[in-house]
C-alpha cells in the first residue's frame, strides 16, 4: 500500500510557484510571518532561509494542502512543525 502524499500534486506546486513569483515581483510581501524577517527570494529552494508556504492549520493537525498559507523561511517553518507558535499567556491576576 502506498502512503498518501497530498503535497505531491500539480495544484500544490503551481500554488507555490505562483506565490513565489508574487513575492519576487513585490519584495515587500516576502516577510516571514514567524520571525518577521525578510525572505531572500534568490535563495535556492533547499536553503534553510528559503521561501516556503506555511499552512495556517498544520497538515499534521488536520489542515488541508490547499487551505490558507502564509510565507515563511524554511527553517522557521520546520521549527514550528505541526505545532503552534509560542505566545505569552495572559492571566487575570498578576502573580
PDB file of N, CA and C in Angstrom:
ATOM      1  N   UNK A   1       0.849  -1.173   0.000  1.00  0.00           N
ATOM      2  CA  UNK A   1       0.000   0.000   0.000  1.00  0.00           C
ATOM      3  C   UNK A   1       0.899   1.242   0.000  1.00  0.00           C
ATOM      4  N   UNK A   2       0.593   2.206  -0.842  1.00  0.00           N
ATOM      5  CA  UNK A   2       1.386   3.425  -0.891  1.00  0.00           C
ATOM      6  C   UNK A   2       0.798   4.462   0.043  1.00  0.00           C
ATOM      7  N   UNK A   3       1.676   5.258   0.599  1.00  0.00           N
ATOM      8  CA  UNK A   3       1.249   6.315   1.512  1.00  0.00           C
ATOM      9  C   UNK A   3       0.700   7.493   0.705  1.00  0.00           C
ATOM     10  N   UNK A   4      -0.392   8.053   1.156  1.00  0.00           N
ATOM     11  CA  UNK A   4      -0.975   9.224   0.513  1.00  0.00           C
ATOM     12  C   UNK A   4      -0.049  10.413   0.732  1.00  0.00           C
ATOM     13  N   UNK A   5       0.351  11.059  -0.350  1.00  0.00           N
ATOM     14  CA  UNK A   5       1.260  12.199  -0.259  1.00  0.00           C
ATOM     15  C   UNK A   5       0.572  13.420  -0.870  1.00  0.00           C
ATOM     16  N   UNK A   6      -0.302  14.080  -0.120  1.00  0.00           N
ATOM     17  CA  UNK A   6      -1.120  15.156  -0.675  1.00  0.00           C
ATOM     18  C   UNK A   6      -0.330  16.363  -1.168  1.00  0.00           C
ATOM     19  N   UNK A   7       0.869  16.579  -0.648  1.00  0.00           N
ATOM     20  CA  UNK A   7       1.643  17.736  -1.086  1.00  0.00           C
ATOM     21  C   UNK A   7       2.280  17.511  -2.448  1.00  0.00           C
ATOM     22  N   UNK A   8       2.304  16.275  -2.894  1.00  0.00           N
ATOM     23  CA  UNK A   8       2.946  15.955  -4.155  1.00  0.00           C
ATOM     24  C   UNK A   8       1.904  15.907  -5.270  1.00  0.00           C
ATOM     25  N   UNK A   9       1.353  17.073  -5.559  1.00  0.00           N
ATOM     26  CA  UNK A   9       0.407  17.143  -6.664  1.00  0.00           C
ATOM     27  C   UNK A   9       0.623  18.442  -7.423  1.00  0.00           C
ATOM     28  N   UNK A  10       0.180  18.443  -8.652  1.00  0.00           N
ATOM     29  CA  UNK A  10       0.415  19.559  -9.563  1.00  0.00           C
ATOM     30  C   UNK A  10      -0.163  20.879  -9.036  1.00  0.00           C
ATOM     31  N   UNK A  11      -1.343  20.839  -8.484  1.00  0.00           N
ATOM     32  CA  UNK A  11      -2.002  22.052  -7.996  1.00  0.00           C
ATOM     33  C   UNK A  11      -1.202  22.703  -6.879  1.00  0.00           C
ATOM     34  N   UNK A  12      -0.680  21.905  -5.966  1.00  0.00           N
ATOM     35  CA  UNK A  12       0.110  22.439  -4.855  1.00  0.00           C
ATOM     36  C   UNK A  12       1.392  23.098  -5.358  1.00  0.00           C
ATOM     37  N   UNK A  13       2.088  22.441  -6.288  1.00  0.00           N
ATOM     38  CA  UNK A  13       3.326  23.014  -6.815  1.00  0.00           C
ATOM     39  C   UNK A  13       3.059  24.286  -7.613  1.00  0.00           C
ATOM     40  N   UNK A  14       1.937  24.337  -8.335  1.00  0.00           N
ATOM     41  CA  UNK A  14       1.571  25.556  -9.056  1.00  0.00           C
ATOM     42  C   UNK A  14       1.321  26.693  -8.074  1.00  0.00           C
ATOM     43  N   UNK A  15       0.708  26.388  -6.959  1.00  0.00           N
ATOM     44  CA  UNK A  15       0.435  27.408  -5.946  1.00  0.00           C
ATOM     45  C   UNK A  15       1.738  27.963  -5.372  1.00  0.00           C
ATOM     46  N   UNK A  16       2.677  27.084  -5.070  1.00  0.00           N
ATOM     47  CA  UNK A  16       3.976  27.533  -4.559  1.00  0.00           C
ATOM     48  C   UNK A  16       4.649  28.438  -5.579  1.00  0.00           C
ATOM     49  N   UNK A  17       4.673  28.025  -6.840  1.00  0.00           N
ATOM     50  CA  UNK A  17       5.309  28.821  -7.894  1.00  0.00           C
ATOM     51  C   UNK A  17       4.626  30.177  -8.042  1.00  0.00           C
ATOM     52  N   UNK A  18       3.299  30.199  -7.981  1.00  0.00           N
ATOM     53  CA  UNK A  18       2.545  31.453  -8.114  1.00  0.00           C
ATOM     54  C   UNK A  18       2.856  32.411  -6.962  1.00  0.00           C
ATOM     55  N   UNK A  19       2.871  31.899  -5.734  1.00  0.00           N
ATOM     56  CA  UNK A  19       3.150  32.746  -4.577  1.00  0.00           C
ATOM     57  C   UNK A  19       4.600  33.222  -4.564  1.00  0.00           C
ATOM     58  N   UNK A  20       5.521  32.353  -4.982  1.00  0.00           N
ATOM     59  CA  UNK A  20       6.931  32.741  -5.043  1.00  0.00           C
ATOM     60  C   UNK A  20       7.129  33.841  -6.088  1.00  0.00           C
ATOM     61  N   UNK A  21       6.481  33.715  -7.240  1.00  0.00           N
ATOM     62  CA  UNK A  21       6.566  34.742  -8.280  1.00  0.00           C
ATOM     63  C   UNK A  21       5.980  36.060  -7.781  1.00  0.00           C
ATOM     64  N   UNK A  22       4.903  35.982  -7.049  1.00  0.00           N
ATOM     65  CA  UNK A  22       4.269  37.187  -6.487  1.00  0.00           C
ATOM     66  C   UNK A  22       5.229  37.914  -5.543  1.00  0.00           C
ATOM     67  N   UNK A  23       5.916  37.159  -4.688  1.00  0.00           N
ATOM     68  CA  UNK A  23       6.864  37.759  -3.745  1.00  0.00           C
ATOM     69  C   UNK A  23       8.117  38.271  -4.441  1.00  0.00           C
ATOM     70  N   UNK A  24       8.499  37.639  -5.540  1.00  0.00           N
ATOM     71  CA  UNK A  24       9.654  38.100  -6.302  1.00  0.00           C
ATOM     72  C   UNK A  24       9.334  39.440  -6.956  1.00  0.00           C
ATOM     73  N   UNK A  25       8.116  39.589  -7.459  1.00  0.00           N
ATOM     74  CA  UNK A  25       7.695  40.857  -8.071  1.00  0.00           C
ATOM     75  C   UNK A  25       7.563  41.970  -7.039  1.00  0.00           C
ATOM     76  N   UNK A  26       7.097  41.641  -5.856  1.00  0.00           N
ATOM     77  CA  UNK A  26       6.890  42.632  -4.802  1.00  0.00           C
ATOM     78  C   UNK A  26       7.578  42.164  -3.523  1.00  0.00           C
ATOM     79  N   UNK A  27       8.885  42.481  -3.369  1.00  0.00           N
ATOM     80  CA  UNK A  27       9.654  42.002  -2.218  1.00  0.00           C
ATOM     81  C   UNK A  27       9.083  42.419  -0.863  1.00  0.00           C
ATOM     82  N   UNK A  28       8.273  43.460  -0.815  1.00  0.00           N
ATOM     83  CA  UNK A  28       7.675  43.880   0.457  1.00  0.00           C
ATOM     84  C   UNK A  28       6.752  42.801   1.019  1.00  0.00           C
ATOM     85  N   UNK A  29       6.242  41.929   0.175  1.00  0.00           N
ATOM     86  CA  UNK A  29       5.372  40.836   0.623  1.00  0.00           C
ATOM     87  C   UNK A  29       6.160  39.682   1.230  1.00  0.00           C
ATOM     88  N   UNK A  30       7.432  39.572   0.848  1.00  0.00           N
ATOM     89  CA  UNK A  30       8.262  38.426   1.245  1.00  0.00           C
ATOM     90  C   UNK A  30       8.818  38.609   2.651  1.00  0.00           C
ATOM     91  N   UNK A  31       7.950  38.472   3.633  1.00  0.00           N
ATOM     92  CA  UNK A  31       8.338  38.589   5.038  1.00  0.00           C
ATOM     93  C   UNK A  31       7.846  37.335   5.757  1.00  0.00           C
ATOM     94  N   UNK A  32       8.742  36.728   6.522  1.00  0.00           N
ATOM     95  CA  UNK A  32       8.390  35.523   7.270  1.00  0.00           C
ATOM     96  C   UNK A  32       7.413  35.896   8.383  1.00  0.00           C
ATOM     97  N   UNK A  33       6.265  35.256   8.404  1.00  0.00           N
ATOM     98  CA  UNK A  33       5.266  35.578   9.432  1.00  0.00           C
ATOM     99  C   UNK A  33       5.702  35.092  10.807  1.00  0.00           C
ATOM    100  N   UNK A  34       6.632  34.152  10.876  1.00  0.00           N
ATOM    101  CA  UNK A  34       7.049  33.594  12.155  1.00  0.00           C
ATOM    102  C   UNK A  34       8.093  34.470  12.836  1.00  0.00           C
ATOM    103  N   UNK A  35       9.157  34.848  12.092  1.00  0.00           N
ATOM    104  CA  UNK A  35      10.238  35.630  12.707  1.00  0.00           C
ATOM    105  C   UNK A  35      10.186  37.110  12.339  1.00  0.00           C
ATOM    106  N   UNK A  36       9.428  37.470  11.308  1.00  0.00           N
ATOM    107  CA  UNK A  36       9.292  38.862  10.907  1.00  0.00           C
ATOM    108  C   UNK A  36      10.410  39.391  10.031  1.00  0.00           C
ATOM    109  N   UNK A  37      11.367  38.540   9.667  1.00  0.00           N
ATOM    110  CA  UNK A  37      12.488  38.967   8.825  1.00  0.00           C
ATOM    111  C   UNK A  37      12.149  38.764   7.351  1.00  0.00           C
ATOM    112  N   UNK A  38      12.793  39.574   6.463  1.00  0.00           N
ATOM    113  CA  UNK A  38      12.537  39.405   5.030  1.00  0.00           C
ATOM    114  C   UNK A  38      13.051  38.061   4.519  1.00  0.00           C
ATOM    115  N   UNK A  39      12.417  37.571   3.476  1.00  0.00           N
ATOM    116  CA  UNK A  39      12.818  36.314   2.843  1.00  0.00           C
ATOM    117  C   UNK A  39      13.546  36.651   1.550  1.00  0.00           C
ATOM    118  N   UNK A  40      14.766  36.136   1.392  1.00  0.00           N
ATOM    119  CA  UNK A  40      15.554  36.351   0.179  1.00  0.00           C
ATOM    120  C   UNK A  40      15.040  35.405  -0.898  1.00  0.00           C
ATOM    121  N   UNK A  41      14.373  35.957  -1.890  1.00  0.00           N
ATOM    122  CA  UNK A  41      13.747  35.138  -2.921  1.00  0.00           C
ATOM    123  C   UNK A  41      14.755  34.541  -3.898  1.00  0.00           C
ATOM    124  N   UNK A  42      16.011  34.976  -3.852  1.00  0.00           N
ATOM    125  CA  UNK A  42      17.035  34.451  -4.756  1.00  0.00           C
ATOM    126  C   UNK A  42      17.667  33.161  -4.237  1.00  0.00           C
ATOM    127  N   UNK A  43      17.386  32.794  -3.002  1.00  0.00           N
ATOM    128  CA  UNK A  43      17.987  31.587  -2.430  1.00  0.00           C
ATOM    129  C   UNK A  43      17.402  30.331  -3.077  1.00  0.00           C
ATOM    130  N   UNK A  44      18.224  29.277  -3.208  1.00  0.00           N
ATOM    131  CA  UNK A  44      17.689  28.022  -3.751  1.00  0.00           C
ATOM    132  C   UNK A  44      16.667  27.413  -2.788  1.00  0.00           C
ATOM    133  N   UNK A  45      15.750  26.635  -3.311  1.00  0.00           N
ATOM    134  CA  UNK A  45      14.635  26.106  -2.513  1.00  0.00           C
ATOM    135  C   UNK A  45      15.071  25.248  -1.335  1.00  0.00           C
ATOM    136  N   UNK A  46      16.270  24.674  -1.389  1.00  0.00           N
ATOM    137  CA  UNK A  46      16.710  23.814  -0.291  1.00  0.00           C
ATOM    138  C   UNK A  46      17.556  24.543   0.756  1.00  0.00           C
ATOM    139  N   UNK A  47      17.753  25.849   0.600  1.00  0.00           N
ATOM    140  CA  UNK A  47      18.494  26.650   1.584  1.00  0.00           C
ATOM    141  C   UNK A  47      17.632  26.813   2.834  1.00  0.00           C
ATOM    142  N   UNK A  48      18.252  26.850   4.005  1.00  0.00           N
ATOM    143  CA  UNK A  48      17.474  26.915   5.248  1.00  0.00           C
ATOM    144  C   UNK A  48      16.661  28.201   5.391  1.00  0.00           C
ATOM    145  N   UNK A  49      17.076  29.289   4.732  1.00  0.00           N
ATOM    146  CA  UNK A  49      16.335  30.555   4.816  1.00  0.00           C
ATOM    147  C   UNK A  49      15.489  30.815   3.571  1.00  0.00           C
ATOM    148  N   UNK A  50      15.255  29.781   2.767  1.00  0.00           N
ATOM    149  CA  UNK A  50      14.483  29.914   1.531  1.00  0.00           C
ATOM    150  C   UNK A  50      12.990  30.103   1.815  1.00  0.00           C
ATOM    151  N   UNK A  51      12.282  30.544   0.806  1.00  0.00           N
ATOM    152  CA  UNK A  51      10.833  30.748   0.834  1.00  0.00           C
ATOM    153  C   UNK A  51      10.091  29.418   0.932  1.00  0.00           C
ATOM    154  N   UNK A  52       9.106  29.359   1.814  1.00  0.00           N
ATOM    155  CA  UNK A  52       8.170  28.231   1.856  1.00  0.00           C
ATOM    156  C   UNK A  52       6.783  28.764   2.181  1.00  0.00           C
ATOM    157  N   UNK A  53       5.798  27.944   1.927  1.00  0.00           N
ATOM    158  CA  UNK A  53       4.439  28.252   2.354  1.00  0.00           C
ATOM    159  C   UNK A  53       4.174  27.470   3.632  1.00  0.00           C
ATOM    160  N   UNK A  54       3.729  28.172   4.658  1.00  0.00           N
ATOM    161  CA  UNK A  54       3.399  27.539   5.932  1.00  0.00           C
ATOM    162  C   UNK A  54       1.883  27.485   6.046  1.00  0.00           C
ATOM    163  N   UNK A  55       1.359  26.339   6.358  1.00  0.00           N
ATOM    164  CA  UNK A  55      -0.089  26.173   6.486  1.00  0.00           C
ATOM    165  C   UNK A  55      -0.581  26.747   7.814  1.00  0.00           C
ATOM    166  N   UNK A  56      -1.638  27.548   7.766  1.00  0.00           N
ATOM    167  CA  UNK A  56      -2.219  28.139   8.970  1.00  0.00           C
ATOM    168  C   UNK A  56      -2.637  27.028   9.927  1.00  0.00           C
ATOM    169  N   UNK A  57      -3.358  26.054   9.427  1.00  0.00           N
ATOM    170  CA  UNK A  57      -3.680  24.856  10.207  1.00  0.00           C
ATOM    171  C   UNK A  57      -2.726  23.777   9.702  1.00  0.00           C
ATOM    172  N   UNK A  58      -1.752  23.380  10.527  1.00  0.00           N
ATOM    173  CA  UNK A  58      -0.768  22.401  10.064  1.00  0.00           C
ATOM    174  C   UNK A  58      -1.421  21.123   9.530  1.00  0.00           C
ATOM    175  N   UNK A  59      -0.802  20.568   8.508  1.00  0.00           N
ATOM    176  CA  UNK A  59      -1.288  19.320   7.918  1.00  0.00           C
ATOM    177  C   UNK A  59      -1.397  18.245   9.004  1.00  0.00           C
ATOM    178  N   UNK A  60      -0.426  18.224   9.916  1.00  0.00           N
ATOM    179  CA  UNK A  60      -0.406  17.226  10.992  1.00  0.00           C
ATOM    180  C   UNK A  60      -1.595  17.366  11.941  1.00  0.00           C
ATOM    181  N   UNK A  61      -2.233  18.537  11.945  1.00  0.00           N
ATOM    182  CA  UNK A  61      -3.378  18.759  12.834  1.00  0.00           C
ATOM    183  C   UNK A  61      -4.698  18.806  12.066  1.00  0.00           C
ATOM    184  N   UNK A  62      -4.685  18.248  10.863  1.00  0.00           N
ATOM    185  CA  UNK A  62      -5.927  18.143  10.101  1.00  0.00           C
ATOM    186  C   UNK A  62      -6.117  19.176   9.014  1.00  0.00           C
ATOM    187  N   UNK A  63      -5.142  20.067   8.824  1.00  0.00           N
ATOM    188  CA  UNK A  63      -5.247  21.046   7.752  1.00  0.00           C
ATOM    189  C   UNK A  63      -5.139  20.377   6.393  1.00  0.00           C
ATOM    190  N   UNK A  64      -5.630  21.042   5.388  1.00  0.00           N
ATOM    191  CA  UNK A  64      -5.565  20.505   4.031  1.00  0.00           C
ATOM    192  C   UNK A  64      -4.479  21.222   3.250  1.00  0.00           C
ATOM    193  N   UNK A  65      -3.929  20.544   2.273  1.00  0.00           N
ATOM    194  CA  UNK A  65      -2.819  21.075   1.489  1.00  0.00           C
ATOM    195  C   UNK A  65      -3.161  22.407   0.837  1.00  0.00           C
ATOM    196  N   UNK A  66      -4.348  22.561   0.329  1.00  0.00           N
ATOM    197  CA  UNK A  66      -4.704  23.779  -0.394  1.00  0.00           C
ATOM    198  C   UNK A  66      -5.426  24.804   0.475  1.00  0.00           C
ATOM    199  N   UNK A  67      -5.424  24.611   1.784  1.00  0.00           N
ATOM    200  CA  UNK A  67      -6.008  25.599   2.692  1.00  0.00           C
ATOM    201  C   UNK A  67      -5.094  26.814   2.809  1.00  0.00           C
ATOM    202  N   UNK A  68      -5.489  27.762   3.634  1.00  0.00           N
ATOM    203  CA  UNK A  68      -4.774  29.020   3.810  1.00  0.00           C
ATOM    204  C   UNK A  68      -3.317  28.805   4.227  1.00  0.00           C
ATOM    205  N   UNK A  69      -2.431  29.581   3.600  1.00  0.00           N
ATOM    206  CA  UNK A  69      -0.999  29.510   3.899  1.00  0.00           C
ATOM    207  C   UNK A  69      -0.441  30.909   4.128  1.00  0.00           C
ATOM    208  N   UNK A  70       0.746  30.953   4.735  1.00  0.00           N
ATOM    209  CA  UNK A  70       1.478  32.204   4.941  1.00  0.00           C
ATOM    210  C   UNK A  70       2.920  31.973   4.527  1.00  0.00           C
ATOM    211  N   UNK A  71       3.633  33.061   4.250  1.00  0.00           N
ATOM    212  CA  UNK A  71       5.029  32.965   3.825  1.00  0.00           C
ATOM    213  C   UNK A  71       5.930  32.769   5.035  1.00  0.00           C
ATOM    214  N   UNK A  72       6.943  31.901   4.881  1.00  0.00           N
ATOM    215  CA  UNK A  72       7.874  31.639   5.979  1.00  0.00           C
ATOM    216  C   UNK A  72       9.223  31.196   5.434  1.00  0.00           C
ATOM    217  N   UNK A  73      10.254  31.356   6.267  1.00  0.00           N
ATOM    218  CA  UNK A  73      11.557  30.765   5.954  1.00  0.00           C
ATOM    219  C   UNK A  73      11.435  29.257   6.144  1.00  0.00           C
ATOM    220  N   UNK A  74      12.210  28.501   5.411  1.00  0.00           N
ATOM    221  CA  UNK A  74      12.179  27.040   5.535  1.00  0.00           C
ATOM    222  C   UNK A  74      12.495  26.599   6.959  1.00  0.00           C
ATOM    223  N   UNK A  75      13.540  27.208   7.579  1.00  0.00           N
ATOM    224  CA  UNK A  75      13.911  26.769   8.930  1.00  0.00           C
ATOM    225  C   UNK A  75      12.885  27.204   9.977  1.00  0.00           C
ATOM    226  N   UNK A  76      12.269  28.359   9.801  1.00  0.00           N
ATOM    227  CA  UNK A  76      11.218  28.791  10.736  1.00  0.00           C
ATOM    228  C   UNK A  76      10.021  27.847  10.643  1.00  0.00           C
ATOM    229  N   UNK A  77       9.652  27.498   9.417  1.00  0.00           N
ATOM    230  CA  UNK A  77       8.532  26.595   9.183  1.00  0.00           C
ATOM    231  C   UNK A  77       8.832  25.213   9.768  1.00  0.00           C
ATOM    232  N   UNK A  78      10.045  24.735   9.577  1.00  0.00           N
ATOM    233  CA  UNK A  78      10.423  23.416  10.103  1.00  0.00           C
ATOM    234  C   UNK A  78      10.434  23.412  11.623  1.00  0.00           C
ATOM    235  N   UNK A  79      10.926  24.497  12.219  1.00  0.00           N
ATOM    236  CA  UNK A  79      10.977  24.580  13.682  1.00  0.00           C
ATOM    237  C   UNK A  79       9.565  24.596  14.267  1.00  0.00           C
ATOM    238  N   UNK A  80       8.647  25.234  13.578  1.00  0.00           N
ATOM    239  CA  UNK A  80       7.255  25.277  14.029  1.00  0.00           C
ATOM    240  C   UNK A  80       6.627  23.899  13.912  1.00  0.00           C
ATOM    241  N   UNK A  81       6.970  23.186  12.858  1.00  0.00           N
ATOM    242  CA  UNK A  81       6.444  21.838  12.661  1.00  0.00           C
ATOM    243  C   UNK A  81       4.931  21.823  12.664  1.00  0.00           C
ATOM    244  N   UNK A  82       4.359  20.843  13.316  1.00  0.00           N
ATOM    245  CA  UNK A  82       2.906  20.715  13.385  1.00  0.00           C
ATOM    246  C   UNK A  82       2.316  21.431  14.573  1.00  0.00           C
ATOM    247  N   UNK A  83       3.149  22.189  15.282  1.00  0.00           N
ATOM    248  CA  UNK A  83       2.668  22.882  16.476  1.00  0.00           C
ATOM    249  C   UNK A  83       2.231  24.294  16.194  1.00  0.00           C
ATOM    250  N   UNK A  84       2.109  25.020  17.236  1.00  0.00           N
ATOM    251  CA  UNK A  84       1.730  26.428  17.130  1.00  0.00           C
ATOM    252  C   UNK A  84       2.911  27.273  17.566  1.00  0.00           C
ATOM    253  N   UNK A  85       2.880  28.548  17.212  1.00  0.00           N
ATOM    254  CA  UNK A  85       3.956  29.434  17.636  1.00  0.00           C
ATOM    255  C   UNK A  85       3.803  29.743  19.113  1.00  0.00           C
ATOM    256  N   UNK A  86       4.911  30.079  19.731  1.00  0.00           N
ATOM    257  CA  UNK A  86       4.888  30.411  21.152  1.00  0.00           C
ATOM    258  C   UNK A  86       4.174  31.740  21.359  1.00  0.00           C
ATOM    259  N   UNK A  87       3.328  31.798  22.347  1.00  0.00           N
ATOM    260  CA  UNK A  87       2.653  33.042  22.691  1.00  0.00           C
ATOM    261  C   UNK A  87       2.789  33.255  24.188  1.00  0.00           C
ATOM    262  N   UNK A  88       2.707  34.491  24.588  1.00  0.00           N
ATOM    263  CA  UNK A  88       2.770  34.806  26.004  1.00  0.00           C
ATOM    264  C   UNK A  88       1.373  34.657  26.590  1.00  0.00           C
ATOM    265  N   UNK A  89       1.267  33.852  27.596  1.00  0.00           N
ATOM    266  CA  UNK A  89      -0.032  33.642  28.225  1.00  0.00           C
ATOM    267  C   UNK A  89      -0.411  34.864  29.050  1.00  0.00           C
ATOM    268  N   UNK A  90      -1.671  35.218  29.023  1.00  0.00           N
ATOM    269  CA  UNK A  90      -2.154  36.324  29.841  1.00  0.00           C
ATOM    270  C   UNK A  90      -3.032  35.757  30.944  1.00  0.00           C
ATOM    271  N   UNK A  91      -2.949  36.371  32.096  1.00  0.00           N
ATOM    272  CA  UNK A  91      -3.763  35.933  33.227  1.00  0.00           C
ATOM    273  C   UNK A  91      -4.555  37.110  33.763  1.00  0.00           C
ATOM    274  N   UNK A  92      -5.629  36.816  34.455  1.00  0.00           N
ATOM    275  CA  UNK A  92      -6.449  37.867  35.040  1.00  0.00           C
ATOM    276  C   UNK A  92      -5.791  38.434  36.297  1.00  0.00           C
ATOM    277  N   UNK A  93      -4.939  37.640  36.918  1.00  0.00           N
ATOM    278  CA  UNK A  93      -4.274  38.057  38.151  1.00  0.00           C
ATOM    279  C   UNK A  93      -2.779  38.179  37.894  1.00  0.00           C
ATOM    280  N   UNK A  94      -2.190  39.267  38.364  1.00  0.00           N
ATOM    281  CA  UNK A  94      -0.743  39.412  38.242  1.00  0.00           C
ATOM    282  C   UNK A  94      -0.099  38.723  39.435  1.00  0.00           C
ATOM    283  N   UNK A  95       0.729  37.732  39.198  1.00  0.00           N
ATOM    284  CA  UNK A  95       1.334  36.940  40.259  1.00  0.00           C
ATOM    285  C   UNK A  95       2.532  37.604  40.807  1.00  0.00           C
TER     286      UNK A  95
END
